[in-house]
Amino acid sequence: MSVPLYQAKAEMFRTLGHPVRIRVLELLQAGPRPVRDLLAEIDVEPSSLSQQLAVLRRTGVVVSFRDAGLVMYALSTPDVADLLAAGRRILSAVLTDRDGLLAELRANSPTD
């Protein structure tokens, strides 16, 4: 039996709900990278990175392949990079709105 679309979307967003996974995806936007390069860029134990890569691979967000004896990872589709960019835009808008609200609150606060 198939899963409802909203449930599949929720699972995909849960997959993105870990800082190491987000950092891996950010790094892979530049193109395929070997595991050793990812380790050099991310302050995490190799076993932890391996677990996070397995989650991303299992959900189809990244793919892995061998190249000259190295295990390489890549985004499964350019849409993953688009999703990260949309997240950045949303976060920027939310933070900008909060800054504006904070400035407005400060400007309109009564003086003691």
N, C-alpha and C. Protein backbone atom coordinates (compact mmCIF):
# COMPACT_ATOMS: atom_id res chain seq x y z
N MET A 1 0.84 -1.18 0.00
CA MET A 1 0.00 0.00 0.00
C MET A 1 0.89 1.24 0.00
N SER A 2 0.56 2.21 -0.80
CA SER A 2 1.38 3.41 -0.91
C SER A 2 1.12 4.36 0.27
N VAL A 3 2.10 5.19 0.52
CA VAL A 3 2.05 6.16 1.61
C VAL A 3 1.43 7.44 1.07
N PRO A 4 0.58 8.12 1.85
CA PRO A 4 0.05 9.41 1.39
C PRO A 4 1.19 10.40 1.13
N LEU A 5 0.97 11.29 0.19
CA LEU A 5 1.99 12.26 -0.19
C LEU A 5 2.46 13.10 0.99
N TYR A 6 1.53 13.55 1.83
CA TYR A 6 1.91 14.38 2.97
C TYR A 6 2.83 13.62 3.93
N GLN A 7 2.61 12.32 4.05
CA GLN A 7 3.47 11.50 4.91
C GLN A 7 4.86 11.34 4.30
N ALA A 8 4.93 11.15 2.99
CA ALA A 8 6.22 11.04 2.31
C ALA A 8 6.99 12.35 2.43
N LYS A 9 6.29 13.49 2.31
CA LYS A 9 6.94 14.79 2.46
C LYS A 9 7.48 14.96 3.88
N ALA A 10 6.67 14.56 4.86
CA ALA A 10 7.11 14.67 6.26
C ALA A 10 8.37 13.84 6.49
N GLU A 11 8.43 12.67 5.92
CA GLU A 11 9.62 11.82 6.06
C GLU A 11 10.84 12.48 5.41
N MET A 12 10.64 13.09 4.26
CA MET A 12 11.75 13.77 3.60
C MET A 12 12.26 14.92 4.47
N PHE A 13 11.35 15.70 5.04
CA PHE A 13 11.78 16.81 5.89
C PHE A 13 12.43 16.32 7.18
N ARG A 14 11.98 15.19 7.71
CA ARG A 14 12.67 14.59 8.87
C ARG A 14 14.10 14.23 8.51
N THR A 15 14.29 13.74 7.30
CA THR A 15 15.64 13.39 6.83
C THR A 15 16.54 14.62 6.87
N LEU A 16 15.99 15.77 6.55
CA LEU A 16 16.77 17.01 6.52
C LEU A 16 16.95 17.63 7.90
N GLY A 17 16.38 17.02 8.92
CA GLY A 17 16.36 17.60 10.25
C GLY A 17 17.58 17.32 11.11
N HIS A 18 18.74 17.23 10.53
CA HIS A 18 19.97 17.01 11.29
C HIS A 18 21.06 17.92 10.73
N PRO A 19 21.77 18.66 11.60
CA PRO A 19 22.77 19.61 11.11
C PRO A 19 23.87 18.99 10.25
N VAL A 20 24.30 17.79 10.58
CA VAL A 20 25.36 17.15 9.78
C VAL A 20 24.83 16.83 8.38
N ARG A 21 23.61 16.38 8.31
CA ARG A 21 23.03 16.07 6.99
C ARG A 21 22.90 17.32 6.15
N ILE A 22 22.46 18.42 6.76
CA ILE A 22 22.35 19.68 6.02
C ILE A 22 23.72 20.11 5.53
N ARG A 23 24.73 20.01 6.38
CA ARG A 23 26.09 20.43 5.99
C ARG A 23 26.59 19.57 4.83
N VAL A 24 26.34 18.27 4.88
CA VAL A 24 26.75 17.38 3.79
C VAL A 24 26.09 17.84 2.49
N LEU A 25 24.80 18.11 2.55
CA LEU A 25 24.08 18.53 1.34
C LEU A 25 24.61 19.86 0.82
N GLU A 26 24.92 20.77 1.73
CA GLU A 26 25.51 22.05 1.31
C GLU A 26 26.82 21.83 0.57
N LEU A 27 27.67 20.96 1.11
CA LEU A 27 28.96 20.69 0.48
C LEU A 27 28.80 20.00 -0.87
N LEU A 28 27.80 19.15 -0.98
CA LEU A 28 27.60 18.41 -2.24
C LEU A 28 26.99 19.27 -3.34
N GLN A 29 26.54 20.46 -3.01
CA GLN A 29 26.01 21.35 -4.05
C GLN A 29 27.08 21.71 -5.07
N ALA A 30 28.34 21.70 -4.64
CA ALA A 30 29.46 22.03 -5.54
C ALA A 30 29.82 20.87 -6.45
N GLY A 31 29.23 19.70 -6.22
CA GLY A 31 29.52 18.52 -7.03
C GLY A 31 29.89 17.34 -6.16
N PRO A 32 30.07 16.18 -6.78
CA PRO A 32 30.41 14.97 -6.03
C PRO A 32 31.68 15.16 -5.20
N ARG A 33 31.67 14.57 -4.01
CA ARG A 33 32.82 14.67 -3.10
C ARG A 33 33.11 13.32 -2.50
N PRO A 34 34.39 13.00 -2.30
CA PRO A 34 34.74 11.76 -1.60
C PRO A 34 34.49 11.93 -0.10
N VAL A 35 34.28 10.82 0.57
CA VAL A 35 34.01 10.84 2.00
C VAL A 35 35.13 11.55 2.76
N ARG A 36 36.36 11.33 2.36
CA ARG A 36 37.48 11.95 3.08
C ARG A 36 37.40 13.47 3.03
N ASP A 37 36.93 14.04 1.92
CA ASP A 37 36.77 15.50 1.83
C ASP A 37 35.64 15.98 2.73
N LEU A 38 34.57 15.22 2.79
CA LEU A 38 33.46 15.58 3.67
C LEU A 38 33.92 15.57 5.12
N LEU A 39 34.70 14.55 5.48
CA LEU A 39 35.24 14.47 6.85
C LEU A 39 36.12 15.66 7.18
N ALA A 40 36.91 16.09 6.22
CA ALA A 40 37.81 17.22 6.43
C ALA A 40 37.03 18.53 6.65
N GLU A 41 35.84 18.62 6.09
CA GLU A 41 35.04 19.85 6.17
C GLU A 41 34.07 19.87 7.35
N ILE A 42 33.73 18.68 7.86
CA ILE A 42 32.70 18.58 8.90
C ILE A 42 33.35 18.04 10.16
N ASP A 43 33.18 18.73 11.26
CA ASP A 43 33.76 18.33 12.54
C ASP A 43 32.88 17.25 13.19
N VAL A 44 33.10 16.00 12.73
CA VAL A 44 32.31 14.88 13.23
C VAL A 44 33.14 13.61 13.12
N GLU A 45 32.85 12.65 13.97
CA GLU A 45 33.56 11.37 13.91
C GLU A 45 33.20 10.63 12.62
N PRO A 46 34.13 9.86 12.08
CA PRO A 46 33.84 9.12 10.84
C PRO A 46 32.60 8.23 10.95
N SER A 47 32.42 7.59 12.11
CA SER A 47 31.25 6.70 12.26
C SER A 47 29.95 7.49 12.21
N SER A 48 29.95 8.69 12.78
CA SER A 48 28.76 9.52 12.75
C SER A 48 28.46 10.00 11.34
N LEU A 49 29.49 10.41 10.61
CA LEU A 49 29.29 10.82 9.22
C LEU A 49 28.75 9.66 8.40
N SER A 50 29.29 8.49 8.63
CA SER A 50 28.83 7.31 7.91
C SER A 50 27.34 7.05 8.16
N GLN A 51 26.92 7.19 9.40
CA GLN A 51 25.50 7.00 9.73
C GLN A 51 24.63 8.03 9.01
N GLN A 52 25.07 9.29 9.01
CA GLN A 52 24.28 10.34 8.39
C GLN A 52 24.23 10.18 6.87
N LEU A 53 25.33 9.76 6.28
CA LEU A 53 25.34 9.49 4.84
C LEU A 53 24.41 8.33 4.50
N ALA A 54 24.37 7.33 5.37
CA ALA A 54 23.48 6.18 5.14
C ALA A 54 22.02 6.61 5.15
N VAL A 55 21.65 7.51 6.07
CA VAL A 55 20.28 8.02 6.12
C VAL A 55 19.96 8.76 4.82
N LEU A 56 20.86 9.64 4.40
CA LEU A 56 20.64 10.40 3.16
C LEU A 56 20.54 9.49 1.94
N ARG A 57 21.37 8.46 1.92
CA ARG A 57 21.37 7.51 0.80
C ARG A 57 20.09 6.67 0.80
N ARG A 58 19.69 6.20 1.98
CA ARG A 58 18.49 5.36 2.10
C ARG A 58 17.24 6.10 1.65
N THR A 59 17.19 7.38 1.92
CA THR A 59 16.00 8.16 1.53
C THR A 59 16.09 8.71 0.12
N GLY A 60 17.20 8.47 -0.56
CA GLY A 60 17.33 8.86 -1.95
C GLY A 60 17.74 10.30 -2.18
N VAL A 61 18.17 11.00 -1.14
CA VAL A 61 18.57 12.40 -1.28
C VAL A 61 19.97 12.50 -1.89
N VAL A 62 20.82 11.51 -1.59
CA VAL A 62 22.15 11.44 -2.19
C VAL A 62 22.34 10.07 -2.81
N VAL A 63 23.32 10.00 -3.69
CA VAL A 63 23.73 8.73 -4.28
C VAL A 63 25.22 8.56 -4.01
N SER A 64 25.66 7.31 -3.99
CA SER A 64 27.08 7.04 -3.81
C SER A 64 27.57 6.19 -4.97
N PHE A 65 28.86 6.34 -5.25
CA PHE A 65 29.49 5.55 -6.30
C PHE A 65 30.98 5.51 -6.04
N ARG A 66 31.66 4.61 -6.69
CA ARG A 66 33.12 4.51 -6.56
C ARG A 66 33.78 5.17 -7.76
N ASP A 67 34.86 5.89 -7.46
CA ASP A 67 35.64 6.52 -8.51
C ASP A 67 37.10 6.41 -8.12
N ALA A 68 37.86 5.66 -8.88
CA ALA A 68 39.29 5.46 -8.61
C ALA A 68 39.52 4.99 -7.17
N GLY A 69 38.68 4.10 -6.70
CA GLY A 69 38.85 3.53 -5.37
C GLY A 69 38.28 4.37 -4.25
N LEU A 70 37.76 5.54 -4.55
CA LEU A 70 37.17 6.41 -3.53
C LEU A 70 35.66 6.28 -3.55
N VAL A 71 35.06 6.29 -2.37
CA VAL A 71 33.60 6.34 -2.29
C VAL A 71 33.19 7.80 -2.41
N MET A 72 32.41 8.08 -3.43
CA MET A 72 31.98 9.43 -3.73
C MET A 72 30.49 9.57 -3.41
N TYR A 73 30.11 10.77 -3.02
CA TYR A 73 28.70 11.08 -2.79
C TYR A 73 28.32 12.28 -3.64
N ALA A 74 27.05 12.29 -4.08
CA ALA A 74 26.53 13.38 -4.89
C ALA A 74 25.05 13.55 -4.58
N LEU A 75 24.54 14.75 -4.83
CA LEU A 75 23.10 14.97 -4.71
C LEU A 75 22.41 14.12 -5.76
N SER A 76 21.28 13.55 -5.39
CA SER A 76 20.56 12.68 -6.33
C SER A 76 19.88 13.47 -7.44
N THR A 77 19.58 14.73 -7.17
CA THR A 77 18.91 15.59 -8.14
C THR A 77 19.24 17.05 -7.81
N PRO A 78 19.31 17.91 -8.80
CA PRO A 78 19.55 19.34 -8.53
C PRO A 78 18.44 19.96 -7.68
N ASP A 79 17.28 19.31 -7.62
CA ASP A 79 16.18 19.83 -6.82
C ASP A 79 16.54 19.91 -5.33
N VAL A 80 17.47 19.07 -4.88
CA VAL A 80 17.92 19.12 -3.49
C VAL A 80 18.59 20.46 -3.23
N ALA A 81 19.42 20.91 -4.14
CA ALA A 81 20.07 22.22 -4.00
C ALA A 81 19.02 23.33 -4.03
N ASP A 82 18.00 23.17 -4.87
CA ASP A 82 16.93 24.16 -4.92
C ASP A 82 16.19 24.23 -3.59
N LEU A 83 15.97 23.08 -2.97
CA LEU A 83 15.29 23.03 -1.67
C LEU A 83 16.13 23.74 -0.60
N LEU A 84 17.44 23.50 -0.61
CA LEU A 84 18.33 24.18 0.34
C LEU A 84 18.30 25.69 0.12
N ALA A 85 18.28 26.12 -1.13
CA ALA A 85 18.22 27.55 -1.44
C ALA A 85 16.89 28.14 -0.96
N ALA A 86 15.81 27.41 -1.14
CA ALA A 86 14.50 27.88 -0.66
C ALA A 86 14.51 27.99 0.86
N GLY A 87 15.12 27.03 1.53
CA GLY A 87 15.24 27.09 2.99
C GLY A 87 16.01 28.31 3.44
N ARG A 88 17.07 28.63 2.72
CA ARG A 88 17.87 29.82 3.05
C ARG A 88 17.05 31.09 2.86
N ARG A 89 16.27 31.15 1.77
CA ARG A 89 15.43 32.33 1.52
C ARG A 89 14.36 32.48 2.60
N ILE A 90 13.74 31.36 2.98
CA ILE A 90 12.71 31.41 4.02
C ILE A 90 13.32 31.85 5.34
N LEU A 91 14.45 31.27 5.70
CA LEU A 91 15.12 31.63 6.95
C LEU A 91 15.51 33.11 6.94
N SER A 92 16.01 33.58 5.82
CA SER A 92 16.39 34.99 5.71
C SER A 92 15.18 35.89 5.89
N ALA A 93 14.06 35.53 5.28
CA ALA A 93 12.84 36.34 5.41
C ALA A 93 12.33 36.33 6.84
N VAL A 94 12.36 35.18 7.48
CA VAL A 94 11.88 35.06 8.86
C VAL A 94 12.76 35.90 9.78
N LEU A 95 14.06 35.79 9.61
CA LEU A 95 14.97 36.55 10.47
C LEU A 95 14.87 38.04 10.20
N THR A 96 14.68 38.42 8.95
CA THR A 96 14.51 39.83 8.63
C THR A 96 13.24 40.36 9.28
N ASP A 97 12.16 39.58 9.22
CA ASP A 97 10.91 39.99 9.86
C ASP A 97 11.09 40.14 11.36
N ARG A 98 11.84 39.24 11.97
CA ARG A 98 12.08 39.32 13.42
C ARG A 98 12.90 40.55 13.76
N ASP A 99 13.91 40.85 12.95
CA ASP A 99 14.72 42.04 13.18
C ASP A 99 13.86 43.29 13.06
N GLY A 100 12.99 43.32 12.07
CA GLY A 100 12.11 44.46 11.89
C GLY A 100 11.16 44.62 13.07
N LEU A 101 10.61 43.52 13.54
CA LEU A 101 9.71 43.55 14.69
C LEU A 101 10.44 44.02 15.94
N LEU A 102 11.64 43.53 16.14
CA LEU A 102 12.44 43.94 17.29
C LEU A 102 12.73 45.44 17.24
N ALA A 103 13.11 45.94 16.07
CA ALA A 103 13.38 47.38 15.92
C ALA A 103 12.11 48.18 16.20
N GLU A 104 10.97 47.69 15.71
CA GLU A 104 9.70 48.39 15.93
C GLU A 104 9.35 48.40 17.42
N LEU A 105 9.54 47.28 18.09
CA LEU A 105 9.26 47.20 19.52
C LEU A 105 10.14 48.17 20.30
N ARG A 106 11.41 48.24 19.94
CA ARG A 106 12.32 49.14 20.63
C ARG A 106 11.96 50.60 20.38
N ALA A 107 11.56 50.91 19.15
CA ALA A 107 11.22 52.29 18.80
C ALA A 107 9.93 52.73 19.51
N ASN A 108 9.04 51.81 19.74
CA ASN A 108 7.75 52.16 20.33
C ASN A 108 7.65 51.84 21.82
N SER A 109 8.77 51.51 22.44
CA SER A 109 8.71 51.18 23.87
C SER A 109 8.68 52.46 24.69
N PRO A 110 7.87 52.45 25.76
CA PRO A 110 7.81 53.64 26.61
C PRO A 110 9.14 53.84 27.35
N THR A 111 9.51 55.06 27.54
CA THR A 111 10.74 55.35 28.28
C THR A 111 10.40 55.50 29.76
N ASP A 112 11.28 55.02 30.59
CA ASP A 112 11.07 55.08 32.05
C ASP A 112 11.67 56.30 32.65
